Amino acid sequence: MLRPFAVACMRRMINGALTYGDTSLERHPVDLLRELEQELIDQPSWSYLCWRRIAHLRRLLERATTCPLCGAPCEPVKAAREEEVVL
């Protein structure tokens, strides 16, 4: 799993250099620190949004695999699977 992550990081750096110019090492250190501060604010914000989506997906899955009458775990209804459209 580490290799795909490293490749994604490298692509991000290359795309950033192409988009914004390869001047990060030439910028004033205060500018870099400001940018880091902004990135550190962005990280927990994106984490919160991802957490909300994952929690929602978990609740949907719990509902789909829980008997609506007794609350016991069960398999999803076969008819519901047959209604799914495969593209």
C-alpha atoms as a PDB file:
ATOM      1  CA  MET A   1       0.000   0.000   0.000  1.00  0.00           C
ATOM      2  CA  LEU A   2       2.911   2.351   0.528  1.00  0.00           C
ATOM      3  CA  ARG A   3       3.955   2.387  -3.127  1.00  0.00           C
ATOM      4  CA  PRO A   4       0.600   3.689  -4.497  1.00  0.00           C
ATOM      5  CA  PHE A   5       0.636   6.379  -1.815  1.00  0.00           C
ATOM      6  CA  ALA A   6       4.206   7.396  -2.707  1.00  0.00           C
ATOM      7  CA  VAL A   7       3.275   7.515  -6.406  1.00  0.00           C
ATOM      8  CA  ALA A   8       0.221   9.669  -5.631  1.00  0.00           C
ATOM      9  CA  CYS A   9       2.402  12.062  -3.591  1.00  0.00           C
ATOM     10  CA  MET A  10       4.953  12.328  -6.385  1.00  0.00           C
ATOM     11  CA  ARG A  11       2.225  13.018  -8.957  1.00  0.00           C
ATOM     12  CA  ARG A  12       0.786  15.706  -6.689  1.00  0.00           C
ATOM     13  CA  MET A  13       4.175  17.391  -6.368  1.00  0.00           C
ATOM     14  CA  ILE A  14       4.782  17.258 -10.129  1.00  0.00           C
ATOM     15  CA  ASN A  15       1.303  18.619 -10.920  1.00  0.00           C
ATOM     16  CA  GLY A  16       1.775  21.390  -8.351  1.00  0.00           C
ATOM     17  CA  ALA A  17       5.123  22.336  -9.881  1.00  0.00           C
ATOM     18  CA  LEU A  18       3.588  22.417 -13.360  1.00  0.00           C
ATOM     19  CA  THR A  19       0.534  24.395 -12.225  1.00  0.00           C
ATOM     20  CA  TYR A  20       2.120  26.886  -9.811  1.00  0.00           C
ATOM     21  CA  GLY A  21       5.716  26.882 -10.950  1.00  0.00           C
ATOM     22  CA  ASP A  22       8.561  25.022  -9.323  1.00  0.00           C
ATOM     23  CA  THR A  23       9.404  27.858  -6.936  1.00  0.00           C
ATOM     24  CA  SER A  24       8.556  26.461  -3.473  1.00  0.00           C
ATOM     25  CA  LEU A  25      12.199  26.319  -2.424  1.00  0.00           C
ATOM     26  CA  GLU A  26      12.657  29.953  -3.482  1.00  0.00           C
ATOM     27  CA  ARG A  27       9.723  31.329  -1.497  1.00  0.00           C
ATOM     28  CA  HIS A  28      10.202  33.298   1.677  1.00  0.00           C
ATOM     29  CA  PRO A  29      10.022  31.009   4.745  1.00  0.00           C
ATOM     30  CA  VAL A  30       7.170  33.061   6.240  1.00  0.00           C
ATOM     31  CA  ASP A  31       5.086  32.420   3.099  1.00  0.00           C
ATOM     32  CA  LEU A  32       5.757  28.691   3.398  1.00  0.00           C
ATOM     33  CA  LEU A  33       4.735  28.724   7.058  1.00  0.00           C
ATOM     34  CA  ARG A  34       1.481  30.515   6.175  1.00  0.00           C
ATOM     35  CA  GLU A  35       0.769  27.876   3.561  1.00  0.00           C
ATOM     36  CA  LEU A  36       1.489  25.103   6.070  1.00  0.00           C
ATOM     37  CA  GLU A  37      -0.890  26.708   8.554  1.00  0.00           C
ATOM     38  CA  GLN A  38      -3.637  26.657   5.923  1.00  0.00           C
ATOM     39  CA  GLU A  39      -2.930  23.017   5.061  1.00  0.00           C
ATOM     40  CA  LEU A  40      -3.126  22.075   8.744  1.00  0.00           C
ATOM     41  CA  ILE A  41      -6.558  23.706   8.925  1.00  0.00           C
ATOM     42  CA  ASP A  42      -7.697  21.891   5.764  1.00  0.00           C
ATOM     43  CA  GLN A  43      -6.721  18.416   6.990  1.00  0.00           C
ATOM     44  CA  PRO A  44      -9.149  18.085   9.909  1.00  0.00           C
ATOM     45  CA  SER A  45     -11.889  19.729   7.856  1.00  0.00           C
ATOM     46  CA  TRP A  46     -11.569  17.113   5.113  1.00  0.00           C
ATOM     47  CA  SER A  47     -11.270  14.369   7.745  1.00  0.00           C
ATOM     48  CA  TYR A  48     -14.567  15.491   9.268  1.00  0.00           C
ATOM     49  CA  LEU A  49     -16.319  15.430   5.880  1.00  0.00           C
ATOM     50  CA  CYS A  50     -14.965  11.937   5.136  1.00  0.00           C
ATOM     51  CA  TRP A  51     -15.970  10.749   8.603  1.00  0.00           C
ATOM     52  CA  ARG A  52     -19.537  11.973   8.047  1.00  0.00           C
ATOM     53  CA  ARG A  53     -19.787  10.165   4.703  1.00  0.00           C
ATOM     54  CA  ILE A  54     -18.390   6.921   6.101  1.00  0.00           C
ATOM     55  CA  ALA A  55     -20.749   7.058   9.099  1.00  0.00           C
ATOM     56  CA  HIS A  56     -23.677   7.579   6.722  1.00  0.00           C
ATOM     57  CA  LEU A  57     -22.602   4.606   4.573  1.00  0.00           C
ATOM     58  CA  ARG A  58     -22.270   2.446   7.707  1.00  0.00           C
ATOM     59  CA  ARG A  59     -25.800   3.368   8.821  1.00  0.00           C
ATOM     60  CA  LEU A  60     -27.173   2.528   5.372  1.00  0.00           C
ATOM     61  CA  LEU A  61     -25.421  -0.833   5.422  1.00  0.00           C
ATOM     62  CA  GLU A  62     -26.686  -1.563   8.947  1.00  0.00           C
ATOM     63  CA  ARG A  63     -30.251  -0.825   7.826  1.00  0.00           C
ATOM     64  CA  ALA A  64     -29.862  -2.972   4.719  1.00  0.00           C
ATOM     65  CA  THR A  65     -28.636  -5.936   6.757  1.00  0.00           C
ATOM     66  CA  THR A  66     -30.996  -5.661   9.753  1.00  0.00           C
ATOM     67  CA  CYS A  67     -34.472  -7.180   9.873  1.00  0.00           C
ATOM     68  CA  PRO A  68     -36.995  -4.322  10.058  1.00  0.00           C
ATOM     69  CA  LEU A  69     -39.363  -6.464  12.149  1.00  0.00           C
ATOM     70  CA  CYS A  70     -37.102  -7.851  14.876  1.00  0.00           C
ATOM     71  CA  GLY A  71     -33.824  -5.943  14.489  1.00  0.00           C
ATOM     72  CA  ALA A  72     -31.782  -9.126  14.060  1.00  0.00           C
ATOM     73  CA  PRO A  73     -28.971  -9.250  11.494  1.00  0.00           C
ATOM     74  CA  CYS A  74     -30.086 -10.702   8.182  1.00  0.00           C
ATOM     75  CA  GLU A  75     -29.113 -10.891   4.540  1.00  0.00           C
ATOM     76  CA  PRO A  76     -30.344  -8.100   2.262  1.00  0.00           C
ATOM     77  CA  VAL A  77     -33.633  -8.958   0.628  1.00  0.00           C
ATOM     78  CA  LYS A  78     -33.072 -10.881  -2.606  1.00  0.00           C
ATOM     79  CA  ALA A  79     -35.704  -8.820  -4.431  1.00  0.00           C
ATOM     80  CA  ALA A  80     -33.799  -5.642  -3.626  1.00  0.00           C
ATOM     81  CA  ARG A  81     -30.675  -7.116  -5.227  1.00  0.00           C
ATOM     82  CA  GLU A  82     -32.636  -8.090  -8.324  1.00  0.00           C
ATOM     83  CA  GLU A  83     -33.891  -4.517  -8.737  1.00  0.00           C
ATOM     84  CA  GLU A  84     -30.353  -3.137  -8.933  1.00  0.00           C
ATOM     85  CA  VAL A  85     -29.313  -1.962 -12.369  1.00  0.00           C
ATOM     86  CA  VAL A  86     -25.869  -3.064 -13.475  1.00  0.00           C
ATOM     87  CA  LEU A  87     -24.245  -0.604 -15.854  1.00  0.00           C
END
